[in-house]
């Protein structure tokens, strides 16, 4: 099995964006040494708790400090941007770091209305344009826009012998179908919507159509994981993620609280229900437990790659979680 990383550059309370971004780089360098396959950074806006607002810049920084791990976006909010500009950004990254760049595309509108309009300089864009944008992006990447297309004579530079690997991110069977029909790799967000995963995987694998981007279907699954030497320690570490997710859902402070701070947070019965439900999005436990549950999910999804996201307060414990996973799956002993 392959393991990869999604990092949102979370900011712990009492810390700042500089520290969070430095930790993202440290995590990338560490997981490369541990044998993880790819390292993706997110795109989030108008938040005080996530420092990952510009994945293209972070990708360049991380790729320049690593040698082998694939680096990419998880993902660029295509509905808010020009497919041409996205193509040129990632073709430039691919020219700088050949064979190492992943272009993960999200179809999220990017947040509240004011945030979306700020991203587009007040130009209102329709989500109905996403399928067209996706086809245009593929056309620009591969210089394959059809005859009669208004931009058929426009070349996306720089030209290169290799192209970034394109992934579509989704949390439903509808997103899976879009990826399948357009012949892109597909990332399913179990860490957001675990309930529809099996149906999404079936939709993707059965409806897949080969393309210039991809000849055979390729899928990975992103999931929250907190791993520690004992179940008790993993549970305690995960409390900061529990309260963080609760606050995110309520539109509150999105910085990650410390474990000691979480113990002072009053929880209603509804809060406790939400936390229990959110735990369905995560695996929390010892290396043996995490490995067992990931192997079970491998059968559910029909994939052998999982992308791990760990948003806890203690960065050293976060690093340790990835070390334990690498040891459990013998990542750095393969080949």
C-alpha atoms as a PDB file:
ATOM      1  CA  UNK A   1       0.000   0.000   0.000  1.00  0.00           C
ATOM      2  CA  UNK A   2       1.098   3.568  -0.733  1.00  0.00           C
ATOM      3  CA  UNK A   3       0.663   6.384   1.772  1.00  0.00           C
ATOM      4  CA  UNK A   4       0.675  10.075   0.912  1.00  0.00           C
ATOM      5  CA  UNK A   5       0.114  13.343   2.783  1.00  0.00           C
ATOM      6  CA  UNK A   6      -2.350  16.219   2.609  1.00  0.00           C
ATOM      7  CA  UNK A   7      -1.322  19.180   4.759  1.00  0.00           C
ATOM      8  CA  UNK A   8      -3.419  22.303   5.278  1.00  0.00           C
ATOM      9  CA  UNK A   9      -0.661  24.181   7.164  1.00  0.00           C
ATOM     10  CA  UNK A  10      -2.825  24.371  10.302  1.00  0.00           C
ATOM     11  CA  UNK A  11      -1.983  27.070  12.842  1.00  0.00           C
ATOM     12  CA  UNK A  12      -1.989  25.993  16.481  1.00  0.00           C
ATOM     13  CA  UNK A  13      -3.192  28.536  19.031  1.00  0.00           C
ATOM     14  CA  UNK A  14      -0.287  30.621  20.275  1.00  0.00           C
ATOM     15  CA  UNK A  15       1.617  30.045  17.033  1.00  0.00           C
ATOM     16  CA  UNK A  16       1.550  31.885  13.702  1.00  0.00           C
ATOM     17  CA  UNK A  17       1.511  31.408   9.929  1.00  0.00           C
ATOM     18  CA  UNK A  18       5.305  31.485   9.622  1.00  0.00           C
ATOM     19  CA  UNK A  19       5.668  28.582  12.039  1.00  0.00           C
ATOM     20  CA  UNK A  20       2.833  26.655  10.356  1.00  0.00           C
ATOM     21  CA  UNK A  21       4.432  26.977   6.918  1.00  0.00           C
ATOM     22  CA  UNK A  22       7.832  25.958   8.277  1.00  0.00           C
ATOM     23  CA  UNK A  23       6.188  22.909   9.825  1.00  0.00           C
ATOM     24  CA  UNK A  24       4.607  22.042   6.480  1.00  0.00           C
ATOM     25  CA  UNK A  25       8.059  22.062   4.893  1.00  0.00           C
ATOM     26  CA  UNK A  26       9.514  19.993   7.730  1.00  0.00           C
ATOM     27  CA  UNK A  27       6.684  17.481   7.373  1.00  0.00           C
ATOM     28  CA  UNK A  28       7.306  17.211   3.624  1.00  0.00           C
ATOM     29  CA  UNK A  29      11.019  16.608   4.096  1.00  0.00           C
ATOM     30  CA  UNK A  30      10.353  14.054   6.840  1.00  0.00           C
ATOM     31  CA  UNK A  31       7.705  12.106   4.956  1.00  0.00           C
ATOM     32  CA  UNK A  32       9.913  11.990   1.866  1.00  0.00           C
ATOM     33  CA  UNK A  33      12.590  10.276   3.950  1.00  0.00           C
ATOM     34  CA  UNK A  34       9.967   7.935   5.403  1.00  0.00           C
ATOM     35  CA  UNK A  35       8.867   6.747   1.953  1.00  0.00           C
ATOM     36  CA  UNK A  36       5.536   8.511   1.430  1.00  0.00           C
ATOM     37  CA  UNK A  37       4.483   8.812  -2.228  1.00  0.00           C
ATOM     38  CA  UNK A  38       3.180  12.357  -2.598  1.00  0.00           C
ATOM     39  CA  UNK A  39       2.746  15.515  -0.519  1.00  0.00           C
ATOM     40  CA  UNK A  40      -0.131  17.860  -1.264  1.00  0.00           C
ATOM     41  CA  UNK A  41      -0.939  21.290   0.119  1.00  0.00           C
ATOM     42  CA  UNK A  42      -4.409  22.765   0.312  1.00  0.00           C
ATOM     43  CA  UNK A  43      -6.045  26.014  -0.763  1.00  0.00           C
ATOM     44  CA  UNK A  44      -8.096  27.830   1.865  1.00  0.00           C
ATOM     45  CA  UNK A  45      -9.101  31.480   2.101  1.00  0.00           C
ATOM     46  CA  UNK A  46     -10.475  33.909   4.680  1.00  0.00           C
ATOM     47  CA  UNK A  47      -9.448  31.801   7.676  1.00  0.00           C
ATOM     48  CA  UNK A  48      -7.214  32.513  10.659  1.00  0.00           C
ATOM     49  CA  UNK A  49      -6.387  28.851  11.231  1.00  0.00           C
ATOM     50  CA  UNK A  50      -5.004  27.543   7.926  1.00  0.00           C
ATOM     51  CA  UNK A  51      -1.956  29.137   6.297  1.00  0.00           C
ATOM     52  CA  UNK A  52      -2.302  27.364   2.941  1.00  0.00           C
ATOM     53  CA  UNK A  53      -3.870  30.039   0.735  1.00  0.00           C
ATOM     54  CA  UNK A  54      -1.446  29.760  -2.215  1.00  0.00           C
ATOM     55  CA  UNK A  55      -0.651  26.139  -3.120  1.00  0.00           C
ATOM     56  CA  UNK A  56       1.432  27.052  -6.178  1.00  0.00           C
ATOM     57  CA  UNK A  57       3.935  29.024  -4.092  1.00  0.00           C
ATOM     58  CA  UNK A  58       4.076  26.340  -1.404  1.00  0.00           C
ATOM     59  CA  UNK A  59       4.580  23.606  -4.015  1.00  0.00           C
ATOM     60  CA  UNK A  60       7.578  25.428  -5.465  1.00  0.00           C
ATOM     61  CA  UNK A  61       9.080  25.947  -2.011  1.00  0.00           C
ATOM     62  CA  UNK A  62       8.568  22.328  -0.952  1.00  0.00           C
ATOM     63  CA  UNK A  63       9.734  20.808  -4.232  1.00  0.00           C
ATOM     64  CA  UNK A  64      12.938  22.863  -4.095  1.00  0.00           C
ATOM     65  CA  UNK A  65      13.738  21.405  -0.655  1.00  0.00           C
ATOM     66  CA  UNK A  66      12.952  17.778  -1.560  1.00  0.00           C
ATOM     67  CA  UNK A  67      14.198  15.417  -4.245  1.00  0.00           C
ATOM     68  CA  UNK A  68      11.843  12.510  -4.958  1.00  0.00           C
ATOM     69  CA  UNK A  69       8.426  12.896  -3.350  1.00  0.00           C
ATOM     70  CA  UNK A  70       5.671  14.099  -5.681  1.00  0.00           C
ATOM     71  CA  UNK A  71       4.352  17.528  -4.675  1.00  0.00           C
ATOM     72  CA  UNK A  72       0.967  18.932  -5.552  1.00  0.00           C
ATOM     73  CA  UNK A  73      -2.220  20.809  -4.771  1.00  0.00           C
ATOM     74  CA  UNK A  74      -5.143  19.430  -2.868  1.00  0.00           C
ATOM     75  CA  UNK A  75      -6.566  21.347  -4.577  1.00  0.00           C
ATOM     76  CA  UNK A  76      -6.702  24.459  -6.742  1.00  0.00           C
ATOM     77  CA  UNK A  77     -10.198  25.996  -6.719  1.00  0.00           C
ATOM     78  CA  UNK A  78     -10.701  25.939 -10.487  1.00  0.00           C
ATOM     79  CA  UNK A  79     -14.161  27.605 -10.518  1.00  0.00           C
ATOM     80  CA  UNK A  80     -12.525  30.841  -9.365  1.00  0.00           C
ATOM     81  CA  UNK A  81      -9.686  30.945 -11.887  1.00  0.00           C
ATOM     82  CA  UNK A  82      -8.739  30.941 -15.547  1.00  0.00           C
ATOM     83  CA  UNK A  83      -7.942  27.391 -16.752  1.00  0.00           C
ATOM     84  CA  UNK A  84      -5.235  28.929 -18.940  1.00  0.00           C
ATOM     85  CA  UNK A  85      -3.465  30.550 -15.996  1.00  0.00           C
ATOM     86  CA  UNK A  86      -3.748  27.386 -13.874  1.00  0.00           C
ATOM     87  CA  UNK A  87      -2.254  25.374 -16.748  1.00  0.00           C
ATOM     88  CA  UNK A  88       0.681  27.761 -17.122  1.00  0.00           C
ATOM     89  CA  UNK A  89       1.342  27.830 -13.377  1.00  0.00           C
ATOM     90  CA  UNK A  90       1.557  24.056 -13.210  1.00  0.00           C
ATOM     91  CA  UNK A  91       3.406  23.633 -16.499  1.00  0.00           C
ATOM     92  CA  UNK A  92       6.010  25.995 -15.046  1.00  0.00           C
ATOM     93  CA  UNK A  93       6.213  23.907 -11.879  1.00  0.00           C
ATOM     94  CA  UNK A  94       6.538  20.753 -13.995  1.00  0.00           C
ATOM     95  CA  UNK A  95       9.354  22.335 -16.028  1.00  0.00           C
ATOM     96  CA  UNK A  96      11.147  23.210 -12.792  1.00  0.00           C
ATOM     97  CA  UNK A  97      10.570  19.790 -11.199  1.00  0.00           C
ATOM     98  CA  UNK A  98       9.977  17.267 -14.027  1.00  0.00           C
ATOM     99  CA  UNK A  99       7.941  14.199 -13.155  1.00  0.00           C
ATOM    100  CA  UNK A 100       7.141  15.375  -9.634  1.00  0.00           C
ATOM    101  CA  UNK A 101       4.139  17.706  -9.881  1.00  0.00           C
ATOM    102  CA  UNK A 102       0.493  16.827  -9.191  1.00  0.00           C
ATOM    103  CA  UNK A 103      -2.309  19.202 -10.165  1.00  0.00           C
ATOM    104  CA  UNK A 104      -5.199  18.499  -7.822  1.00  0.00           C
ATOM    105  CA  UNK A 105      -8.378  20.335  -8.812  1.00  0.00           C
ATOM    106  CA  UNK A 106     -11.259  21.155  -6.486  1.00  0.00           C
ATOM    107  CA  UNK A 107     -14.717  22.168  -7.643  1.00  0.00           C
ATOM    108  CA  UNK A 108     -15.491  24.023  -4.407  1.00  0.00           C
ATOM    109  CA  UNK A 109     -16.641  27.609  -4.983  1.00  0.00           C
ATOM    110  CA  UNK A 110     -14.090  28.794  -2.399  1.00  0.00           C
ATOM    111  CA  UNK A 111     -16.133  29.861   0.615  1.00  0.00           C
ATOM    112  CA  UNK A 112     -18.700  32.532   1.380  1.00  0.00           C
ATOM    113  CA  UNK A 113     -19.981  34.842  -1.337  1.00  0.00           C
ATOM    114  CA  UNK A 114     -17.717  37.739  -0.351  1.00  0.00           C
ATOM    115  CA  UNK A 115     -14.642  35.497  -0.439  1.00  0.00           C
ATOM    116  CA  UNK A 116     -15.570  34.097  -3.849  1.00  0.00           C
ATOM    117  CA  UNK A 117     -16.086  37.573  -5.272  1.00  0.00           C
ATOM    118  CA  UNK A 118     -12.784  38.765  -3.809  1.00  0.00           C
ATOM    119  CA  UNK A 119     -11.031  35.875  -5.577  1.00  0.00           C
ATOM    120  CA  UNK A 120     -12.588  36.799  -8.917  1.00  0.00           C
ATOM    121  CA  UNK A 121     -12.367  40.589  -8.539  1.00  0.00           C
ATOM    122  CA  UNK A 122     -16.164  40.769  -8.212  1.00  0.00           C
ATOM    123  CA  UNK A 123     -16.835  38.751 -11.371  1.00  0.00           C
ATOM    124  CA  UNK A 124     -19.649  36.325 -10.626  1.00  0.00           C
ATOM    125  CA  UNK A 125     -18.874  32.812 -11.866  1.00  0.00           C
ATOM    126  CA  UNK A 126     -21.234  29.892 -12.228  1.00  0.00           C
ATOM    127  CA  UNK A 127     -20.458  26.394 -10.970  1.00  0.00           C
ATOM    128  CA  UNK A 128     -22.182  25.204 -14.136  1.00  0.00           C
ATOM    129  CA  UNK A 129     -19.021  26.243 -15.992  1.00  0.00           C
ATOM    130  CA  UNK A 130     -16.851  23.704 -14.151  1.00  0.00           C
ATOM    131  CA  UNK A 131     -17.110  20.862 -16.722  1.00  0.00           C
ATOM    132  CA  UNK A 132     -16.123  23.299 -19.481  1.00  0.00           C
ATOM    133  CA  UNK A 133     -13.270  24.684 -17.383  1.00  0.00           C
ATOM    134  CA  UNK A 134     -11.984  21.174 -16.715  1.00  0.00           C
ATOM    135  CA  UNK A 135     -11.937  20.318 -20.430  1.00  0.00           C
ATOM    136  CA  UNK A 136     -10.221  23.613 -21.228  1.00  0.00           C
ATOM    137  CA  UNK A 137      -7.593  22.938 -18.561  1.00  0.00           C
ATOM    138  CA  UNK A 138      -6.846  19.521 -20.058  1.00  0.00           C
ATOM    139  CA  UNK A 139      -6.685  21.090 -23.504  1.00  0.00           C
ATOM    140  CA  UNK A 140      -4.188  23.723 -22.383  1.00  0.00           C
ATOM    141  CA  UNK A 141      -2.050  21.167 -20.535  1.00  0.00           C
ATOM    142  CA  UNK A 142      -1.797  18.871 -23.553  1.00  0.00           C
ATOM    143  CA  UNK A 143      -2.077  21.463 -26.342  1.00  0.00           C
ATOM    144  CA  UNK A 144      -5.179  19.620 -27.514  1.00  0.00           C
ATOM    145  CA  UNK A 145      -8.017  22.142 -27.654  1.00  0.00           C
ATOM    146  CA  UNK A 146     -10.460  21.085 -30.405  1.00  0.00           C
ATOM    147  CA  UNK A 147     -10.750  22.816 -33.756  1.00  0.00           C
ATOM    148  CA  UNK A 148     -13.067  25.769 -33.536  1.00  0.00           C
ATOM    149  CA  UNK A 149     -12.344  26.392 -29.861  1.00  0.00           C
ATOM    150  CA  UNK A 150     -12.029  30.159 -29.261  1.00  0.00           C
ATOM    151  CA  UNK A 151      -8.541  29.611 -27.795  1.00  0.00           C
ATOM    152  CA  UNK A 152      -7.292  26.895 -30.155  1.00  0.00           C
ATOM    153  CA  UNK A 153      -4.341  29.051 -31.246  1.00  0.00           C
ATOM    154  CA  UNK A 154      -3.328  29.897 -27.669  1.00  0.00           C
ATOM    155  CA  UNK A 155      -0.366  27.893 -26.353  1.00  0.00           C
ATOM    156  CA  UNK A 156       0.118  27.293 -22.638  1.00  0.00           C
ATOM    157  CA  UNK A 157       3.803  27.830 -21.889  1.00  0.00           C
ATOM    158  CA  UNK A 158       6.342  26.579 -21.111  1.00  0.00           C
ATOM    159  CA  UNK A 159       6.395  23.519 -23.336  1.00  0.00           C
ATOM    160  CA  UNK A 160       7.804  20.434 -21.658  1.00  0.00           C
ATOM    161  CA  UNK A 161       8.320  16.744 -22.328  1.00  0.00           C
ATOM    162  CA  UNK A 162       6.255  15.874 -19.242  1.00  0.00           C
ATOM    163  CA  UNK A 163       2.961  17.170 -17.868  1.00  0.00           C
ATOM    164  CA  UNK A 164       1.714  17.520 -14.294  1.00  0.00           C
ATOM    165  CA  UNK A 165      -0.438  14.607 -13.171  1.00  0.00           C
ATOM    166  CA  UNK A 166      -4.029  15.793 -12.958  1.00  0.00           C
ATOM    167  CA  UNK A 167      -6.347  14.760 -10.119  1.00  0.00           C
ATOM    168  CA  UNK A 168      -9.950  15.724  -9.494  1.00  0.00           C
ATOM    169  CA  UNK A 169     -10.992  15.977  -5.848  1.00  0.00           C
ATOM    170  CA  UNK A 170     -14.509  14.955  -4.872  1.00  0.00           C
ATOM    171  CA  UNK A 171     -16.793  13.971  -2.004  1.00  0.00           C
ATOM    172  CA  UNK A 172     -19.687  12.369  -3.890  1.00  0.00           C
ATOM    173  CA  UNK A 173     -20.526   9.949  -6.677  1.00  0.00           C
ATOM    174  CA  UNK A 174     -21.248  12.964  -8.888  1.00  0.00           C
ATOM    175  CA  UNK A 175     -17.690  14.226  -8.506  1.00  0.00           C
ATOM    176  CA  UNK A 176     -16.419  10.717  -9.168  1.00  0.00           C
ATOM    177  CA  UNK A 177     -18.416  10.586 -12.396  1.00  0.00           C
ATOM    178  CA  UNK A 178     -16.926  13.884 -13.598  1.00  0.00           C
ATOM    179  CA  UNK A 179     -13.411  12.536 -12.967  1.00  0.00           C
ATOM    180  CA  UNK A 180     -14.247   9.279 -14.746  1.00  0.00           C
ATOM    181  CA  UNK A 181     -15.822  10.904 -17.793  1.00  0.00           C
ATOM    182  CA  UNK A 182     -12.869  13.280 -18.181  1.00  0.00           C
ATOM    183  CA  UNK A 183     -10.226  10.593 -17.676  1.00  0.00           C
ATOM    184  CA  UNK A 184      -8.487  12.133 -14.655  1.00  0.00           C
ATOM    185  CA  UNK A 185      -7.177  10.558 -11.479  1.00  0.00           C
ATOM    186  CA  UNK A 186      -9.622  10.876  -8.569  1.00  0.00           C
ATOM    187  CA  UNK A 187      -9.174  11.699  -4.888  1.00  0.00           C
ATOM    188  CA  UNK A 188     -12.098  10.902  -2.610  1.00  0.00           C
ATOM    189  CA  UNK A 189     -12.417  13.022   0.544  1.00  0.00           C
ATOM    190  CA  UNK A 190     -13.296  10.443   3.201  1.00  0.00           C
ATOM    191  CA  UNK A 191     -12.113  13.047   5.728  1.00  0.00           C
ATOM    192  CA  UNK A 192     -15.058  15.209   4.674  1.00  0.00           C
ATOM    193  CA  UNK A 193     -17.779  12.780   3.579  1.00  0.00           C
ATOM    194  CA  UNK A 194     -17.213   9.130   4.530  1.00  0.00           C
ATOM    195  CA  UNK A 195     -20.755   7.987   3.842  1.00  0.00           C
ATOM    196  CA  UNK A 196     -20.708   7.997   0.040  1.00  0.00           C
ATOM    197  CA  UNK A 197     -17.224   6.592  -0.497  1.00  0.00           C
ATOM    198  CA  UNK A 198     -18.138   3.124  -1.746  1.00  0.00           C
ATOM    199  CA  UNK A 199     -20.641   4.471  -4.270  1.00  0.00           C
ATOM    200  CA  UNK A 200     -18.152   7.109  -5.465  1.00  0.00           C
ATOM    201  CA  UNK A 201     -15.450   4.490  -6.014  1.00  0.00           C
ATOM    202  CA  UNK A 202     -17.816   2.241  -7.962  1.00  0.00           C
ATOM    203  CA  UNK A 203     -18.931   5.189 -10.093  1.00  0.00           C
ATOM    204  CA  UNK A 204     -15.354   6.171 -10.871  1.00  0.00           C
ATOM    205  CA  UNK A 205     -14.037   2.737 -11.770  1.00  0.00           C
ATOM    206  CA  UNK A 206     -17.065   1.687 -13.841  1.00  0.00           C
ATOM    207  CA  UNK A 207     -17.459   4.968 -15.761  1.00  0.00           C
ATOM    208  CA  UNK A 208     -13.769   5.735 -16.392  1.00  0.00           C
ATOM    209  CA  UNK A 209     -12.879   6.858 -19.924  1.00  0.00           C
ATOM    210  CA  UNK A 210      -9.186   6.964 -20.995  1.00  0.00           C
ATOM    211  CA  UNK A 211      -7.809  10.382 -21.898  1.00  0.00           C
ATOM    212  CA  UNK A 212      -4.575  12.129 -22.836  1.00  0.00           C
ATOM    213  CA  UNK A 213      -4.049  12.556 -19.097  1.00  0.00           C
ATOM    214  CA  UNK A 214      -4.584   8.945 -18.034  1.00  0.00           C
ATOM    215  CA  UNK A 215      -5.026   5.566 -19.712  1.00  0.00           C
ATOM    216  CA  UNK A 216      -6.155   3.592 -16.631  1.00  0.00           C
ATOM    217  CA  UNK A 217      -8.204   4.710 -13.606  1.00  0.00           C
ATOM    218  CA  UNK A 218      -6.215   5.873 -10.594  1.00  0.00           C
ATOM    219  CA  UNK A 219      -7.784   6.723  -7.241  1.00  0.00           C
ATOM    220  CA  UNK A 220      -6.650   7.602  -3.751  1.00  0.00           C
ATOM    221  CA  UNK A 221      -8.578   8.347  -0.577  1.00  0.00           C
ATOM    222  CA  UNK A 222      -7.889  11.126   1.928  1.00  0.00           C
ATOM    223  CA  UNK A 223      -8.623  10.449   5.606  1.00  0.00           C
ATOM    224  CA  UNK A 224      -7.867  11.951   9.022  1.00  0.00           C
ATOM    225  CA  UNK A 225      -5.423   9.798  11.009  1.00  0.00           C
ATOM    226  CA  UNK A 226      -3.985  10.229  14.503  1.00  0.00           C
ATOM    227  CA  UNK A 227      -1.538   7.476  15.409  1.00  0.00           C
ATOM    228  CA  UNK A 228       0.342   6.964  18.691  1.00  0.00           C
ATOM    229  CA  UNK A 229       2.012   4.147  20.621  1.00  0.00           C
ATOM    230  CA  UNK A 230      -1.101   3.546  22.732  1.00  0.00           C
ATOM    231  CA  UNK A 231      -4.816   3.961  22.109  1.00  0.00           C
ATOM    232  CA  UNK A 232      -5.070   6.248  25.131  1.00  0.00           C
ATOM    233  CA  UNK A 233      -2.389   8.600  23.816  1.00  0.00           C
ATOM    234  CA  UNK A 234      -3.931   8.684  20.341  1.00  0.00           C
ATOM    235  CA  UNK A 235      -7.344   9.506  21.812  1.00  0.00           C
ATOM    236  CA  UNK A 236      -5.912  12.336  23.900  1.00  0.00           C
ATOM    237  CA  UNK A 237      -4.028  13.823  20.947  1.00  0.00           C
ATOM    238  CA  UNK A 238      -7.131  13.605  18.762  1.00  0.00           C
ATOM    239  CA  UNK A 239      -9.194  15.747  21.139  1.00  0.00           C
ATOM    240  CA  UNK A 240      -7.575  18.893  19.716  1.00  0.00           C
ATOM    241  CA  UNK A 241      -8.673  17.774  16.230  1.00  0.00           C
ATOM    242  CA  UNK A 242     -12.163  16.995  17.560  1.00  0.00           C
ATOM    243  CA  UNK A 243     -12.648  20.493  18.962  1.00  0.00           C
ATOM    244  CA  UNK A 244     -11.037  22.084  15.914  1.00  0.00           C
ATOM    245  CA  UNK A 245     -13.491  20.299  13.601  1.00  0.00           C
ATOM    246  CA  UNK A 246     -16.363  21.284  15.891  1.00  0.00           C
ATOM    247  CA  UNK A 247     -15.309  24.936  15.710  1.00  0.00           C
ATOM    248  CA  UNK A 248     -14.846  24.785  11.928  1.00  0.00           C
ATOM    249  CA  UNK A 249     -18.366  23.433  11.573  1.00  0.00           C
ATOM    250  CA  UNK A 250     -19.727  26.274  13.686  1.00  0.00           C
ATOM    251  CA  UNK A 251     -17.779  28.925  11.797  1.00  0.00           C
ATOM    252  CA  UNK A 252     -15.745  29.770  14.894  1.00  0.00           C
ATOM    253  CA  UNK A 253     -12.001  30.151  15.492  1.00  0.00           C
ATOM    254  CA  UNK A 254     -10.192  27.749  13.155  1.00  0.00           C
ATOM    255  CA  UNK A 255      -6.875  27.644  15.004  1.00  0.00           C
ATOM    256  CA  UNK A 256      -6.140  24.300  16.660  1.00  0.00           C
ATOM    257  CA  UNK A 257      -6.575  24.367  20.455  1.00  0.00           C
ATOM    258  CA  UNK A 258      -4.224  22.638  22.869  1.00  0.00           C
ATOM    259  CA  UNK A 259      -5.326  19.468  24.644  1.00  0.00           C
ATOM    260  CA  UNK A 260      -5.380  21.330  27.969  1.00  0.00           C
ATOM    261  CA  UNK A 261      -7.583  24.044  26.475  1.00  0.00           C
ATOM    262  CA  UNK A 262     -10.036  21.509  25.069  1.00  0.00           C
ATOM    263  CA  UNK A 263     -10.637  20.157  28.571  1.00  0.00           C
ATOM    264  CA  UNK A 264     -12.111  23.525  29.527  1.00  0.00           C
ATOM    265  CA  UNK A 265     -14.506  23.672  26.566  1.00  0.00           C
ATOM    266  CA  UNK A 266     -18.123  23.098  27.662  1.00  0.00           C
ATOM    267  CA  UNK A 267     -19.810  20.590  25.370  1.00  0.00           C
ATOM    268  CA  UNK A 268     -23.545  20.298  24.859  1.00  0.00           C
ATOM    269  CA  UNK A 269     -25.201  17.002  23.992  1.00  0.00           C
ATOM    270  CA  UNK A 270     -25.382  18.214  20.388  1.00  0.00           C
ATOM    271  CA  UNK A 271     -21.653  19.013  20.417  1.00  0.00           C
ATOM    272  CA  UNK A 272     -20.894  15.501  21.629  1.00  0.00           C
ATOM    273  CA  UNK A 273     -23.091  14.033  18.897  1.00  0.00           C
ATOM    274  CA  UNK A 274     -21.249  16.073  16.258  1.00  0.00           C
ATOM    275  CA  UNK A 275     -17.867  14.937  17.605  1.00  0.00           C
ATOM    276  CA  UNK A 276     -18.972  11.290  17.523  1.00  0.00           C
ATOM    277  CA  UNK A 277     -20.175  11.724  13.958  1.00  0.00           C
ATOM    278  CA  UNK A 278     -16.933  13.458  12.934  1.00  0.00           C
ATOM    279  CA  UNK A 279     -14.955  10.495  14.234  1.00  0.00           C
ATOM    280  CA  UNK A 280     -16.344   8.558  11.244  1.00  0.00           C
ATOM    281  CA  UNK A 281     -14.032  10.729   9.140  1.00  0.00           C
ATOM    282  CA  UNK A 282     -10.928   9.563  11.012  1.00  0.00           C
ATOM    283  CA  UNK A 283      -8.892   6.613  12.216  1.00  0.00           C
ATOM    284  CA  UNK A 284      -7.447   7.120  15.691  1.00  0.00           C
ATOM    285  CA  UNK A 285      -5.290   4.567  17.450  1.00  0.00           C
ATOM    286  CA  UNK A 286      -2.144   2.485  17.556  1.00  0.00           C
ATOM    287  CA  UNK A 287      -0.160   1.610  14.425  1.00  0.00           C
ATOM    288  CA  UNK A 288      -1.733  -1.844  14.452  1.00  0.00           C
ATOM    289  CA  UNK A 289      -5.270  -0.460  14.648  1.00  0.00           C
ATOM    290  CA  UNK A 290      -4.687   2.186  11.976  1.00  0.00           C
ATOM    291  CA  UNK A 291      -3.132  -0.363   9.630  1.00  0.00           C
ATOM    292  CA  UNK A 292      -6.005  -2.801  10.164  1.00  0.00           C
ATOM    293  CA  UNK A 293      -8.643  -0.155   9.440  1.00  0.00           C
ATOM    294  CA  UNK A 294      -6.832   1.193   6.376  1.00  0.00           C
ATOM    295  CA  UNK A 295      -6.573  -2.322   4.971  1.00  0.00           C
ATOM    296  CA  UNK A 296     -10.326  -2.728   5.461  1.00  0.00           C
ATOM    297  CA  UNK A 297     -10.945   0.574   3.665  1.00  0.00           C
ATOM    298  CA  UNK A 298      -8.653  -0.579   0.878  1.00  0.00           C
ATOM    299  CA  UNK A 299     -11.191  -3.320   0.134  1.00  0.00           C
ATOM    300  CA  UNK A 300     -14.107  -0.876   0.350  1.00  0.00           C
ATOM    301  CA  UNK A 301     -12.575   1.613  -2.070  1.00  0.00           C
ATOM    302  CA  UNK A 302     -10.604  -0.709  -4.322  1.00  0.00           C
ATOM    303  CA  UNK A 303      -7.504   1.473  -4.061  1.00  0.00           C
ATOM    304  CA  UNK A 304      -4.034   0.957  -2.627  1.00  0.00           C
ATOM    305  CA  UNK A 305      -3.200   4.610  -1.856  1.00  0.00           C
ATOM    306  CA  UNK A 306      -4.377   6.619   1.123  1.00  0.00           C
ATOM    307  CA  UNK A 307      -3.631  10.278   1.707  1.00  0.00           C
ATOM    308  CA  UNK A 308      -3.189  11.067   5.388  1.00  0.00           C
ATOM    309  CA  UNK A 309      -4.192  14.353   7.022  1.00  0.00           C
ATOM    310  CA  UNK A 310      -3.410  14.978  10.702  1.00  0.00           C
ATOM    311  CA  UNK A 311      -4.549  18.244  12.275  1.00  0.00           C
ATOM    312  CA  UNK A 312      -3.520  18.137  15.929  1.00  0.00           C
ATOM    313  CA  UNK A 313      -2.008  20.772  18.213  1.00  0.00           C
ATOM    314  CA  UNK A 314       1.338  19.115  18.986  1.00  0.00           C
ATOM    315  CA  UNK A 315       3.567  19.149  15.889  1.00  0.00           C
ATOM    316  CA  UNK A 316       6.095  16.699  17.346  1.00  0.00           C
ATOM    317  CA  UNK A 317       3.261  14.253  18.003  1.00  0.00           C
ATOM    318  CA  UNK A 318       2.084  14.832  14.425  1.00  0.00           C
ATOM    319  CA  UNK A 319       5.541  13.929  13.100  1.00  0.00           C
ATOM    320  CA  UNK A 320       5.568  10.881  15.347  1.00  0.00           C
ATOM    321  CA  UNK A 321       2.208   9.793  13.928  1.00  0.00           C
ATOM    322  CA  UNK A 322       3.668   9.732  10.408  1.00  0.00           C
ATOM    323  CA  UNK A 323       6.772   7.879  11.627  1.00  0.00           C
ATOM    324  CA  UNK A 324       4.587   5.188  13.183  1.00  0.00           C
ATOM    325  CA  UNK A 325       2.559   4.814   9.980  1.00  0.00           C
ATOM    326  CA  UNK A 326       5.712   4.478   7.887  1.00  0.00           C
ATOM    327  CA  UNK A 327       6.990   1.764  10.210  1.00  0.00           C
ATOM    328  CA  UNK A 328       3.648  -0.069  10.262  1.00  0.00           C
ATOM    329  CA  UNK A 329       3.502  -0.199   6.463  1.00  0.00           C
ATOM    330  CA  UNK A 330       7.284  -0.586   6.036  1.00  0.00           C
ATOM    331  CA  UNK A 331       7.289   2.331   3.584  1.00  0.00           C
ATOM    332  CA  UNK A 332      10.992   3.084   3.800  1.00  0.00           C
ATOM    333  CA  UNK A 333      11.902  -0.580   3.374  1.00  0.00           C
ATOM    334  CA  UNK A 334      10.242  -1.035  -0.020  1.00  0.00           C
ATOM    335  CA  UNK A 335      12.307  -1.497  -3.139  1.00  0.00           C
END
